[in-house]
């Protein structure tokens, strides 16, 4: 990341300079990876010509509250990951409990009494171990898949995390600029200092 203080009119990309008001002057300018941030006598301008969202954004200097560097990610991955992990642990734990409790072995060794009324009890006794065995398998497999899914969601969350230069402004969502270099904190500090200086009155 590099920072410059050259006038916007001397920049190689003059599209941002064309957005200045009449009489508006650049006081300080920063180049932050794929974005340019300029502090003028009137506003803070953010120009991201290669960005996916808005390419140009701005805020009047009195409305700029702060500039910080934050690490953000998709929180929805965390929420779904936690839920999947909890459900998976419960199902997998239930399967392990059935498998290790000895209930299946006990039922397999049970034979209906000879004087049992009808064949219903005999069929129930013979089917019950198979049904519990299938239930145990479903719990183990389903729980294991949910736990794996939870780990995948957590991995997606960490892969979605990125550092951003966040410019807070009153009454509107903050302006966000992705950054990754080590001197991003220095840019935020210099931006706070630049915005904190007295603005010249508008002449247009």
N, C-alpha and C. Protein backbone atom coordinates (compact mmCIF):
# COMPACT_ATOMS: atom_id res chain seq x y z
N UNK A 1 0.85 -1.17 0.00
CA UNK A 1 0.00 0.00 0.00
C UNK A 1 0.89 1.22 0.00
N UNK A 2 0.54 2.23 -0.76
CA UNK A 2 1.31 3.46 -0.81
C UNK A 2 0.39 4.62 -0.53
N UNK A 3 0.94 5.67 0.05
CA UNK A 3 0.17 6.87 0.31
C UNK A 3 0.84 8.01 -0.39
N UNK A 4 0.05 8.89 -0.95
CA UNK A 4 0.57 10.05 -1.67
C UNK A 4 -0.20 11.28 -1.26
N UNK A 5 0.40 12.44 -1.53
CA UNK A 5 -0.26 13.70 -1.27
C UNK A 5 -0.29 14.55 -2.53
N UNK A 6 -0.11 13.94 -3.68
CA UNK A 6 -0.14 14.68 -4.93
C UNK A 6 -1.54 15.15 -5.23
N UNK A 7 -1.68 16.30 -5.90
CA UNK A 7 -3.02 16.80 -6.25
C UNK A 7 -3.74 15.80 -7.15
N UNK A 8 -5.04 15.76 -7.00
CA UNK A 8 -5.82 14.82 -7.80
C UNK A 8 -5.69 15.13 -9.29
N UNK A 9 -5.49 16.40 -9.63
CA UNK A 9 -5.40 16.77 -11.03
C UNK A 9 -4.17 16.19 -11.70
N UNK A 10 -3.17 15.77 -10.90
CA UNK A 10 -1.96 15.19 -11.45
C UNK A 10 -2.01 13.66 -11.46
N UNK A 11 -3.09 13.08 -11.01
CA UNK A 11 -3.19 11.63 -10.95
C UNK A 11 -3.35 11.05 -12.34
N UNK A 12 -2.93 9.81 -12.52
CA UNK A 12 -3.05 9.18 -13.83
C UNK A 12 -4.50 8.95 -14.21
N UNK A 13 -5.35 8.69 -13.24
CA UNK A 13 -6.77 8.50 -13.50
C UNK A 13 -7.47 9.80 -13.10
N UNK A 14 -7.93 10.57 -14.08
CA UNK A 14 -8.51 11.88 -13.76
C UNK A 14 -10.02 11.81 -13.58
N UNK A 15 -10.61 10.60 -13.53
CA UNK A 15 -12.05 10.50 -13.35
C UNK A 15 -12.47 11.02 -11.99
N UNK A 16 -11.65 10.83 -10.98
CA UNK A 16 -11.99 11.33 -9.66
C UNK A 16 -11.90 12.84 -9.59
N UNK A 17 -10.93 13.41 -10.28
CA UNK A 17 -10.79 14.87 -10.26
C UNK A 17 -11.98 15.55 -10.92
N UNK A 18 -12.63 14.84 -11.83
CA UNK A 18 -13.80 15.42 -12.49
C UNK A 18 -15.00 15.50 -11.57
N UNK A 19 -14.93 14.84 -10.43
CA UNK A 19 -16.05 14.84 -9.49
C UNK A 19 -15.94 15.93 -8.44
N UNK A 20 -14.91 16.76 -8.52
CA UNK A 20 -14.74 17.85 -7.57
C UNK A 20 -15.71 18.98 -7.88
N UNK A 21 -16.21 19.61 -6.83
CA UNK A 21 -17.02 20.81 -7.02
C UNK A 21 -16.14 21.96 -7.48
N UNK A 22 -16.77 22.97 -8.01
CA UNK A 22 -16.03 24.18 -8.35
C UNK A 22 -15.52 24.82 -7.07
N UNK A 23 -14.24 25.08 -7.03
CA UNK A 23 -13.64 25.65 -5.84
C UNK A 23 -13.22 24.62 -4.80
N UNK A 24 -13.52 23.37 -5.01
CA UNK A 24 -13.13 22.31 -4.08
C UNK A 24 -11.69 21.91 -4.36
N UNK A 25 -10.90 21.81 -3.33
CA UNK A 25 -9.49 21.50 -3.47
C UNK A 25 -9.13 20.26 -2.65
N UNK A 26 -8.14 19.53 -3.15
CA UNK A 26 -7.68 18.33 -2.45
C UNK A 26 -6.65 18.72 -1.40
N UNK A 27 -6.86 18.25 -0.18
CA UNK A 27 -5.91 18.50 0.89
C UNK A 27 -4.98 17.31 1.11
N UNK A 28 -5.51 16.12 0.96
CA UNK A 28 -4.67 14.92 1.11
C UNK A 28 -5.30 13.79 0.34
N UNK A 29 -4.44 12.92 -0.18
CA UNK A 29 -4.91 11.80 -1.01
C UNK A 29 -4.16 10.54 -0.63
N UNK A 30 -4.88 9.42 -0.63
CA UNK A 30 -4.29 8.12 -0.30
C UNK A 30 -4.63 7.13 -1.40
N UNK A 31 -3.67 6.29 -1.74
CA UNK A 31 -3.91 5.17 -2.64
C UNK A 31 -3.90 3.90 -1.80
N UNK A 32 -5.03 3.20 -1.77
CA UNK A 32 -5.18 2.00 -0.94
C UNK A 32 -5.54 0.85 -1.86
N UNK A 33 -4.54 0.10 -2.30
CA UNK A 33 -4.73 -1.02 -3.21
C UNK A 33 -5.56 -0.58 -4.42
N UNK A 34 -6.80 -1.10 -4.56
CA UNK A 34 -7.60 -0.78 -5.73
C UNK A 34 -8.48 0.44 -5.56
N UNK A 35 -8.23 1.25 -4.55
CA UNK A 35 -9.08 2.41 -4.27
C UNK A 35 -8.23 3.65 -4.04
N UNK A 36 -8.87 4.79 -4.22
CA UNK A 36 -8.24 6.06 -3.90
C UNK A 36 -9.16 6.83 -2.98
N UNK A 37 -8.60 7.36 -1.94
CA UNK A 37 -9.35 8.13 -0.95
C UNK A 37 -8.76 9.53 -0.91
N UNK A 38 -9.62 10.52 -1.07
CA UNK A 38 -9.17 11.90 -1.07
C UNK A 38 -9.93 12.70 -0.03
N UNK A 39 -9.20 13.53 0.70
CA UNK A 39 -9.81 14.47 1.64
C UNK A 39 -9.72 15.84 1.00
N UNK A 40 -10.86 16.42 0.73
CA UNK A 40 -10.90 17.73 0.09
C UNK A 40 -11.33 18.78 1.11
N UNK A 41 -11.43 20.01 0.66
CA UNK A 41 -11.90 21.07 1.54
C UNK A 41 -13.36 20.89 1.92
N UNK A 42 -14.08 20.03 1.19
CA UNK A 42 -15.51 19.88 1.42
C UNK A 42 -15.90 18.48 1.86
N UNK A 43 -15.24 17.47 1.30
CA UNK A 43 -15.72 16.10 1.46
C UNK A 43 -14.57 15.12 1.61
N UNK A 44 -14.97 13.87 1.92
CA UNK A 44 -14.08 12.71 1.80
C UNK A 44 -14.61 11.89 0.63
N UNK A 45 -13.75 11.65 -0.38
CA UNK A 45 -14.14 10.95 -1.59
C UNK A 45 -13.48 9.58 -1.63
N UNK A 46 -14.23 8.57 -2.04
CA UNK A 46 -13.71 7.21 -2.18
C UNK A 46 -14.03 6.75 -3.60
N UNK A 47 -12.98 6.40 -4.33
CA UNK A 47 -13.15 5.99 -5.73
C UNK A 47 -12.55 4.60 -5.89
N UNK A 48 -13.38 3.62 -6.24
CA UNK A 48 -12.93 2.23 -6.46
C UNK A 48 -13.32 1.82 -7.87
N UNK A 49 -12.50 2.15 -8.87
CA UNK A 49 -12.88 1.90 -10.27
C UNK A 49 -13.05 0.43 -10.61
N UNK A 50 -12.39 -0.46 -9.88
CA UNK A 50 -12.47 -1.89 -10.18
C UNK A 50 -13.31 -2.65 -9.16
N UNK A 51 -14.05 -1.94 -8.32
CA UNK A 51 -14.82 -2.60 -7.28
C UNK A 51 -16.09 -3.23 -7.81
N UNK A 52 -16.66 -4.14 -7.00
CA UNK A 52 -17.90 -4.83 -7.39
C UNK A 52 -19.13 -3.99 -7.10
N UNK A 53 -19.05 -3.12 -6.10
CA UNK A 53 -20.21 -2.31 -5.73
C UNK A 53 -20.12 -0.92 -6.34
N UNK A 54 -20.44 0.06 -5.50
CA UNK A 54 -20.39 1.44 -5.97
C UNK A 54 -18.94 1.83 -6.26
N UNK A 55 -18.72 2.50 -7.37
CA UNK A 55 -17.36 2.91 -7.75
C UNK A 55 -16.98 4.25 -7.16
N UNK A 56 -17.97 5.04 -6.82
CA UNK A 56 -17.68 6.35 -6.23
C UNK A 56 -18.63 6.57 -5.06
N UNK A 57 -18.07 7.02 -3.95
CA UNK A 57 -18.87 7.33 -2.78
C UNK A 57 -18.22 8.53 -2.09
N UNK A 58 -18.99 9.22 -1.29
CA UNK A 58 -18.45 10.42 -0.64
C UNK A 58 -19.26 10.75 0.59
N UNK A 59 -18.71 11.62 1.40
CA UNK A 59 -19.41 12.14 2.57
C UNK A 59 -18.89 13.53 2.85
N UNK A 60 -19.79 14.43 3.22
CA UNK A 60 -19.36 15.76 3.62
C UNK A 60 -18.49 15.65 4.87
N UNK A 61 -17.47 16.47 4.93
CA UNK A 61 -16.52 16.34 6.04
C UNK A 61 -17.16 16.43 7.43
N UNK A 62 -18.13 17.32 7.64
CA UNK A 62 -18.74 17.35 8.99
C UNK A 62 -19.45 16.04 9.36
N UNK A 63 -19.82 15.24 8.36
CA UNK A 63 -20.52 13.98 8.63
C UNK A 63 -19.57 12.80 8.82
N UNK A 64 -18.29 12.97 8.57
CA UNK A 64 -17.33 11.88 8.74
C UNK A 64 -16.95 11.80 10.21
N UNK A 65 -17.23 10.66 10.82
CA UNK A 65 -17.06 10.50 12.26
C UNK A 65 -15.75 9.83 12.65
N UNK A 66 -15.30 8.86 11.85
CA UNK A 66 -14.12 8.09 12.25
C UNK A 66 -13.61 7.30 11.06
N UNK A 67 -12.38 6.83 11.17
CA UNK A 67 -11.78 5.95 10.17
C UNK A 67 -10.99 4.88 10.91
N UNK A 68 -11.35 3.62 10.70
CA UNK A 68 -10.71 2.52 11.40
C UNK A 68 -10.45 1.37 10.43
N UNK A 69 -9.66 0.40 10.88
CA UNK A 69 -9.41 -0.81 10.11
C UNK A 69 -10.07 -1.97 10.87
N UNK A 70 -10.96 -2.67 10.20
CA UNK A 70 -11.69 -3.78 10.82
C UNK A 70 -11.50 -5.06 10.01
N UNK A 71 -11.58 -6.18 10.72
CA UNK A 71 -11.58 -7.48 10.07
C UNK A 71 -13.01 -8.00 10.06
N UNK A 72 -13.56 -8.22 8.88
CA UNK A 72 -14.95 -8.61 8.77
C UNK A 72 -15.07 -9.95 8.06
N UNK A 73 -16.21 -10.59 8.21
CA UNK A 73 -16.50 -11.85 7.55
C UNK A 73 -18.00 -12.04 7.49
N UNK A 74 -18.43 -13.08 6.80
CA UNK A 74 -19.85 -13.37 6.68
C UNK A 74 -20.33 -14.07 7.95
N UNK A 75 -21.03 -13.32 8.80
CA UNK A 75 -21.48 -13.88 10.08
C UNK A 75 -22.50 -15.00 9.91
N UNK A 76 -23.17 -15.05 8.77
CA UNK A 76 -24.17 -16.11 8.57
C UNK A 76 -23.51 -17.48 8.59
N UNK A 77 -22.26 -17.57 8.10
CA UNK A 77 -21.55 -18.85 8.16
C UNK A 77 -21.37 -19.31 9.61
N UNK A 78 -21.10 -18.37 10.50
CA UNK A 78 -20.89 -18.73 11.90
C UNK A 78 -22.19 -19.25 12.51
N UNK A 79 -23.31 -18.53 12.24
CA UNK A 79 -24.58 -18.95 12.81
C UNK A 79 -24.99 -20.34 12.35
N UNK A 80 -24.91 -20.59 11.04
CA UNK A 80 -25.26 -21.91 10.53
C UNK A 80 -24.26 -22.96 10.99
N UNK A 81 -23.01 -22.59 11.10
CA UNK A 81 -22.01 -23.55 11.56
C UNK A 81 -22.24 -23.99 12.99
N UNK A 82 -22.59 -23.03 13.85
CA UNK A 82 -22.87 -23.37 15.26
C UNK A 82 -24.09 -24.28 15.35
N UNK A 83 -25.14 -23.93 14.62
CA UNK A 83 -26.35 -24.77 14.66
C UNK A 83 -26.07 -26.18 14.14
N UNK A 84 -25.37 -26.26 13.03
CA UNK A 84 -25.06 -27.58 12.47
C UNK A 84 -24.19 -28.38 13.43
N UNK A 85 -23.23 -27.71 14.08
CA UNK A 85 -22.37 -28.41 15.02
C UNK A 85 -23.13 -28.95 16.22
N UNK A 86 -24.07 -28.14 16.75
CA UNK A 86 -24.85 -28.57 17.91
C UNK A 86 -25.75 -29.74 17.54
N UNK A 87 -26.49 -29.60 16.43
CA UNK A 87 -27.37 -30.69 16.02
C UNK A 87 -26.57 -31.95 15.69
N UNK A 88 -25.45 -31.78 15.02
CA UNK A 88 -24.63 -32.94 14.69
C UNK A 88 -24.10 -33.65 15.92
N UNK A 89 -23.66 -32.86 16.91
CA UNK A 89 -23.14 -33.47 18.14
C UNK A 89 -24.23 -34.23 18.88
N UNK A 90 -25.45 -33.66 18.89
CA UNK A 90 -26.56 -34.34 19.58
C UNK A 90 -26.90 -35.65 18.88
N UNK A 91 -27.02 -35.61 17.55
CA UNK A 91 -27.36 -36.83 16.82
C UNK A 91 -26.25 -37.87 16.93
N UNK A 92 -25.01 -37.43 16.74
CA UNK A 92 -23.90 -38.38 16.81
C UNK A 92 -23.78 -38.96 18.22
N UNK A 93 -23.97 -38.13 19.24
CA UNK A 93 -23.91 -38.62 20.62
C UNK A 93 -25.01 -39.62 20.90
N UNK A 94 -26.22 -39.37 20.36
CA UNK A 94 -27.31 -40.33 20.55
C UNK A 94 -27.00 -41.66 19.87
N UNK A 95 -26.40 -41.62 18.68
CA UNK A 95 -26.02 -42.86 17.99
C UNK A 95 -24.97 -43.64 18.76
N UNK A 96 -23.97 -42.92 19.27
CA UNK A 96 -22.92 -43.59 20.06
C UNK A 96 -23.52 -44.20 21.33
N UNK A 97 -24.44 -43.47 21.96
CA UNK A 97 -25.06 -43.98 23.19
C UNK A 97 -25.84 -45.26 22.92
N UNK A 98 -26.60 -45.30 21.83
CA UNK A 98 -27.34 -46.52 21.50
C UNK A 98 -26.40 -47.67 21.19
N UNK A 99 -25.31 -47.35 20.50
CA UNK A 99 -24.39 -48.40 20.07
C UNK A 99 -23.62 -48.99 21.25
N UNK A 100 -23.29 -48.17 22.22
CA UNK A 100 -22.46 -48.64 23.34
C UNK A 100 -23.27 -49.06 24.56
N UNK A 101 -24.57 -48.82 24.53
CA UNK A 101 -25.38 -49.14 25.71
C UNK A 101 -25.66 -50.62 25.86
N UNK A 102 -25.50 -51.38 24.78
CA UNK A 102 -25.78 -52.80 24.83
C UNK A 102 -27.24 -53.14 24.62
N UNK A 103 -28.06 -52.13 24.34
CA UNK A 103 -29.50 -52.38 24.15
C UNK A 103 -29.73 -53.27 22.93
N UNK A 104 -28.97 -53.02 21.85
CA UNK A 104 -29.16 -53.81 20.64
C UNK A 104 -28.84 -55.28 20.88
N UNK A 105 -27.75 -55.53 21.59
CA UNK A 105 -27.37 -56.91 21.87
C UNK A 105 -28.40 -57.59 22.77
N UNK A 106 -28.93 -56.81 23.73
CA UNK A 106 -29.92 -57.38 24.65
C UNK A 106 -31.20 -57.74 23.90
N UNK A 107 -31.63 -56.86 23.00
CA UNK A 107 -32.85 -57.14 22.25
C UNK A 107 -32.67 -58.28 21.27
N UNK A 108 -31.46 -58.39 20.73
CA UNK A 108 -31.21 -59.48 19.78
C UNK A 108 -31.30 -60.84 20.45
N UNK A 109 -30.99 -60.88 21.73
CA UNK A 109 -31.02 -62.15 22.44
C UNK A 109 -32.35 -62.49 23.07
N UNK A 110 -33.34 -61.60 22.91
CA UNK A 110 -34.65 -61.83 23.52
C UNK A 110 -35.50 -62.70 22.60
N UNK A 111 -36.12 -63.69 23.17
CA UNK A 111 -37.06 -64.54 22.42
C UNK A 111 -38.43 -64.44 23.08
N UNK A 112 -39.47 -64.29 22.29
CA UNK A 112 -40.82 -64.15 22.87
C UNK A 112 -41.23 -65.43 23.59
N UNK A 113 -42.00 -65.32 24.64
CA UNK A 113 -42.47 -66.53 25.36
C UNK A 113 -43.40 -67.35 24.47
N UNK A 114 -43.36 -68.61 24.71
CA UNK A 114 -44.15 -69.52 23.88
C UNK A 114 -45.64 -69.29 24.02
N UNK A 115 -46.06 -68.83 25.23
CA UNK A 115 -47.49 -68.63 25.44
C UNK A 115 -47.93 -67.21 25.13
N UNK A 116 -47.08 -66.46 24.35
CA UNK A 116 -47.43 -65.07 24.01
C UNK A 116 -48.69 -65.05 23.15
N UNK A 117 -49.62 -64.14 23.44
CA UNK A 117 -50.88 -64.10 22.67
C UNK A 117 -50.66 -63.56 21.28
N UNK A 118 -50.75 -64.41 20.29
CA UNK A 118 -50.66 -63.99 18.90
C UNK A 118 -49.23 -63.86 18.44
N UNK A 119 -49.10 -63.56 17.16
CA UNK A 119 -47.76 -63.43 16.57
C UNK A 119 -47.26 -62.01 16.59
N UNK A 120 -48.08 -61.05 17.07
CA UNK A 120 -47.68 -59.64 17.05
C UNK A 120 -46.46 -59.38 17.88
N UNK A 121 -46.42 -59.94 19.08
CA UNK A 121 -45.28 -59.71 19.97
C UNK A 121 -44.02 -60.31 19.38
N UNK A 122 -44.15 -61.49 18.80
CA UNK A 122 -42.98 -62.13 18.20
C UNK A 122 -42.42 -61.29 17.06
N UNK A 123 -43.29 -60.73 16.24
CA UNK A 123 -42.83 -59.88 15.13
C UNK A 123 -42.16 -58.61 15.66
N UNK A 124 -42.76 -58.04 16.72
CA UNK A 124 -42.20 -56.82 17.31
C UNK A 124 -40.81 -57.07 17.87
N UNK A 125 -40.67 -58.19 18.57
CA UNK A 125 -39.37 -58.51 19.16
C UNK A 125 -38.32 -58.75 18.09
N UNK A 126 -38.73 -59.36 16.98
CA UNK A 126 -37.77 -59.64 15.93
C UNK A 126 -37.41 -58.40 15.11
N UNK A 127 -38.37 -57.46 14.98
CA UNK A 127 -38.14 -56.26 14.16
C UNK A 127 -37.44 -55.16 14.94
N UNK A 128 -37.67 -55.08 16.23
CA UNK A 128 -37.16 -53.99 17.04
C UNK A 128 -35.64 -53.85 16.98
N UNK A 129 -34.86 -54.92 17.10
CA UNK A 129 -33.40 -54.75 17.00
C UNK A 129 -32.96 -54.18 15.66
N UNK A 130 -33.61 -54.62 14.56
CA UNK A 130 -33.24 -54.09 13.24
C UNK A 130 -33.58 -52.60 13.14
N UNK A 131 -34.74 -52.23 13.67
CA UNK A 131 -35.15 -50.82 13.61
C UNK A 131 -34.20 -49.94 14.42
N UNK A 132 -33.85 -50.40 15.62
CA UNK A 132 -32.91 -49.62 16.43
C UNK A 132 -31.53 -49.58 15.79
N UNK A 133 -31.14 -50.67 15.12
CA UNK A 133 -29.86 -50.67 14.42
C UNK A 133 -29.84 -49.65 13.29
N UNK A 134 -30.94 -49.59 12.54
CA UNK A 134 -31.02 -48.59 11.47
C UNK A 134 -31.04 -47.17 12.04
N UNK A 135 -31.75 -46.99 13.15
CA UNK A 135 -31.78 -45.67 13.79
C UNK A 135 -30.39 -45.26 14.26
N UNK A 136 -29.66 -46.20 14.83
CA UNK A 136 -28.29 -45.91 15.26
C UNK A 136 -27.42 -45.48 14.09
N UNK A 137 -27.54 -46.19 12.97
CA UNK A 137 -26.75 -45.84 11.78
C UNK A 137 -27.12 -44.45 11.28
N UNK A 138 -28.42 -44.16 11.24
CA UNK A 138 -28.87 -42.84 10.78
C UNK A 138 -28.34 -41.73 11.68
N UNK A 139 -28.39 -41.96 12.99
CA UNK A 139 -27.89 -40.96 13.93
C UNK A 139 -26.39 -40.74 13.76
N UNK A 140 -25.64 -41.81 13.61
CA UNK A 140 -24.19 -41.68 13.47
C UNK A 140 -23.82 -40.98 12.16
N UNK A 141 -24.43 -41.45 11.08
CA UNK A 141 -24.10 -40.86 9.77
C UNK A 141 -24.59 -39.42 9.68
N UNK A 142 -25.86 -39.20 10.07
CA UNK A 142 -26.40 -37.84 10.01
C UNK A 142 -25.65 -36.88 10.90
N UNK A 143 -25.34 -37.31 12.12
CA UNK A 143 -24.58 -36.45 13.03
C UNK A 143 -23.19 -36.16 12.52
N UNK A 144 -22.55 -37.19 11.96
CA UNK A 144 -21.21 -36.99 11.41
C UNK A 144 -21.22 -36.01 10.25
N UNK A 145 -22.21 -36.13 9.37
CA UNK A 145 -22.31 -35.21 8.23
C UNK A 145 -22.56 -33.78 8.70
N UNK A 146 -23.39 -33.61 9.70
CA UNK A 146 -23.64 -32.27 10.21
C UNK A 146 -22.40 -31.66 10.84
N UNK A 147 -21.62 -32.46 11.55
CA UNK A 147 -20.38 -31.96 12.14
C UNK A 147 -19.39 -31.56 11.05
N UNK A 148 -19.28 -32.39 10.02
CA UNK A 148 -18.40 -32.05 8.89
C UNK A 148 -18.88 -30.76 8.21
N UNK A 149 -20.21 -30.66 8.05
CA UNK A 149 -20.77 -29.44 7.47
C UNK A 149 -20.47 -28.22 8.32
N UNK A 150 -20.53 -28.38 9.63
CA UNK A 150 -20.21 -27.26 10.52
C UNK A 150 -18.76 -26.82 10.36
N UNK A 151 -17.85 -27.78 10.27
CA UNK A 151 -16.44 -27.45 10.06
C UNK A 151 -16.23 -26.74 8.72
N UNK A 152 -16.97 -27.19 7.69
CA UNK A 152 -16.86 -26.54 6.38
C UNK A 152 -17.36 -25.10 6.45
N UNK A 153 -18.46 -24.86 7.18
CA UNK A 153 -18.99 -23.51 7.31
C UNK A 153 -18.02 -22.61 8.07
N UNK A 154 -17.38 -23.15 9.08
CA UNK A 154 -16.37 -22.37 9.81
C UNK A 154 -15.20 -22.02 8.89
N UNK A 155 -14.79 -22.98 8.06
CA UNK A 155 -13.72 -22.71 7.11
C UNK A 155 -14.13 -21.63 6.11
N UNK A 156 -15.38 -21.68 5.66
CA UNK A 156 -15.87 -20.65 4.75
C UNK A 156 -15.88 -19.29 5.42
N UNK A 157 -16.21 -19.26 6.70
CA UNK A 157 -16.20 -17.98 7.41
C UNK A 157 -14.80 -17.38 7.44
N UNK A 158 -13.82 -18.20 7.78
CA UNK A 158 -12.45 -17.68 7.85
C UNK A 158 -11.94 -17.27 6.47
N UNK A 159 -12.36 -17.98 5.43
CA UNK A 159 -11.94 -17.61 4.08
C UNK A 159 -12.62 -16.32 3.62
N UNK A 160 -13.79 -16.01 4.19
CA UNK A 160 -14.49 -14.79 3.80
C UNK A 160 -14.01 -13.56 4.57
N UNK A 161 -13.19 -13.75 5.58
CA UNK A 161 -12.72 -12.63 6.38
C UNK A 161 -11.75 -11.78 5.59
N UNK A 162 -11.88 -10.50 5.69
CA UNK A 162 -10.96 -9.58 5.06
C UNK A 162 -10.87 -8.30 5.88
N UNK A 163 -9.76 -7.60 5.70
CA UNK A 163 -9.57 -6.33 6.40
C UNK A 163 -10.15 -5.22 5.55
N UNK A 164 -10.78 -4.28 6.21
CA UNK A 164 -11.41 -3.17 5.51
C UNK A 164 -11.08 -1.85 6.20
N UNK A 165 -10.85 -0.84 5.39
CA UNK A 165 -10.78 0.53 5.90
C UNK A 165 -12.22 1.03 5.98
N UNK A 166 -12.69 1.29 7.18
CA UNK A 166 -14.09 1.67 7.41
C UNK A 166 -14.14 3.14 7.76
N UNK A 167 -14.83 3.90 6.92
CA UNK A 167 -14.99 5.34 7.14
C UNK A 167 -16.42 5.58 7.61
N UNK A 168 -16.56 5.85 8.90
CA UNK A 168 -17.89 6.04 9.48
C UNK A 168 -18.42 7.42 9.11
N UNK A 169 -19.72 7.47 8.82
CA UNK A 169 -20.35 8.75 8.49
C UNK A 169 -21.73 8.81 9.14
N UNK A 170 -22.10 9.99 9.56
CA UNK A 170 -23.37 10.17 10.27
C UNK A 170 -24.55 9.99 9.32
N UNK A 171 -25.54 9.24 9.77
CA UNK A 171 -26.79 9.11 9.04
C UNK A 171 -26.77 8.15 7.87
N UNK A 172 -25.64 7.53 7.56
CA UNK A 172 -25.56 6.62 6.42
C UNK A 172 -24.64 5.46 6.78
N UNK A 173 -24.71 4.39 5.98
CA UNK A 173 -23.80 3.27 6.18
C UNK A 173 -22.37 3.71 5.94
N UNK A 174 -21.40 3.09 6.61
CA UNK A 174 -20.01 3.50 6.42
C UNK A 174 -19.50 3.15 5.02
N UNK A 175 -18.50 3.87 4.59
CA UNK A 175 -17.79 3.54 3.35
C UNK A 175 -16.71 2.52 3.70
N UNK A 176 -16.65 1.43 2.92
CA UNK A 176 -15.73 0.34 3.21
C UNK A 176 -14.80 0.11 2.03
N UNK A 177 -13.50 0.02 2.34
CA UNK A 177 -12.48 -0.19 1.32
C UNK A 177 -11.63 -1.38 1.74
N UNK A 178 -11.61 -2.49 0.98
CA UNK A 178 -10.77 -3.64 1.35
C UNK A 178 -9.29 -3.27 1.39
N UNK A 179 -8.60 -3.71 2.42
CA UNK A 179 -7.16 -3.47 2.56
C UNK A 179 -6.53 -4.75 3.09
N UNK A 180 -5.24 -4.90 2.87
CA UNK A 180 -4.54 -6.08 3.40
C UNK A 180 -3.12 -5.76 3.84
N UNK A 181 -2.62 -4.61 3.50
CA UNK A 181 -1.23 -4.29 3.84
C UNK A 181 -1.11 -3.87 5.29
N UNK A 182 0.15 -3.94 5.78
CA UNK A 182 0.40 -3.69 7.19
C UNK A 182 0.22 -2.23 7.58
N UNK A 183 0.36 -1.31 6.63
CA UNK A 183 0.26 0.10 6.97
C UNK A 183 -1.15 0.64 6.85
N UNK A 184 -2.16 -0.25 6.81
CA UNK A 184 -3.55 0.21 6.74
C UNK A 184 -3.91 1.03 7.98
N UNK A 185 -3.39 0.63 9.13
CA UNK A 185 -3.66 1.39 10.36
C UNK A 185 -3.10 2.80 10.26
N UNK A 186 -1.94 2.94 9.62
CA UNK A 186 -1.35 4.26 9.45
C UNK A 186 -2.22 5.13 8.54
N UNK A 187 -2.78 4.52 7.48
CA UNK A 187 -3.67 5.26 6.59
C UNK A 187 -4.90 5.74 7.36
N UNK A 188 -5.48 4.86 8.18
CA UNK A 188 -6.65 5.25 8.96
C UNK A 188 -6.31 6.40 9.91
N UNK A 189 -5.14 6.33 10.53
CA UNK A 189 -4.74 7.40 11.45
C UNK A 189 -4.56 8.72 10.71
N UNK A 190 -3.91 8.68 9.56
CA UNK A 190 -3.69 9.89 8.78
C UNK A 190 -5.00 10.44 8.24
N UNK A 191 -5.91 9.56 7.90
CA UNK A 191 -7.21 10.00 7.41
C UNK A 191 -7.99 10.69 8.52
N UNK A 192 -7.93 10.14 9.74
CA UNK A 192 -8.60 10.79 10.87
C UNK A 192 -8.01 12.17 11.11
N UNK A 193 -6.69 12.25 11.03
CA UNK A 193 -6.04 13.54 11.25
C UNK A 193 -6.42 14.55 10.17
N UNK A 194 -6.49 14.08 8.92
CA UNK A 194 -6.83 14.98 7.82
C UNK A 194 -8.26 15.49 7.93
N UNK A 195 -9.18 14.60 8.28
CA UNK A 195 -10.58 15.01 8.40
C UNK A 195 -10.77 15.91 9.60
N UNK A 196 -9.94 15.77 10.60
CA UNK A 196 -10.09 16.58 11.79
C UNK A 196 -9.65 18.02 11.62
N UNK A 197 -8.99 18.37 10.51
CA UNK A 197 -8.58 19.75 10.30
C UNK A 197 -9.76 20.59 9.88
N UNK A 198 -9.64 21.89 10.06
CA UNK A 198 -10.73 22.79 9.72
C UNK A 198 -10.98 22.84 8.24
N UNK A 199 -12.22 22.73 7.83
CA UNK A 199 -12.58 22.78 6.42
C UNK A 199 -12.78 24.23 5.99
N UNK A 200 -12.40 24.48 4.76
CA UNK A 200 -12.63 25.79 4.19
C UNK A 200 -14.08 25.91 3.79
N UNK A 201 -14.65 27.10 3.86
CA UNK A 201 -16.05 27.25 3.42
C UNK A 201 -16.15 27.09 1.94
N UNK A 202 -17.27 26.53 1.51
CA UNK A 202 -17.50 26.34 0.09
C UNK A 202 -17.70 27.68 -0.59
N UNK A 203 -17.13 27.81 -1.82
CA UNK A 203 -17.22 29.05 -2.56
C UNK A 203 -18.12 28.93 -3.77
N UNK A 204 -18.71 27.71 -4.01
CA UNK A 204 -19.56 27.56 -5.18
C UNK A 204 -21.02 27.75 -4.84
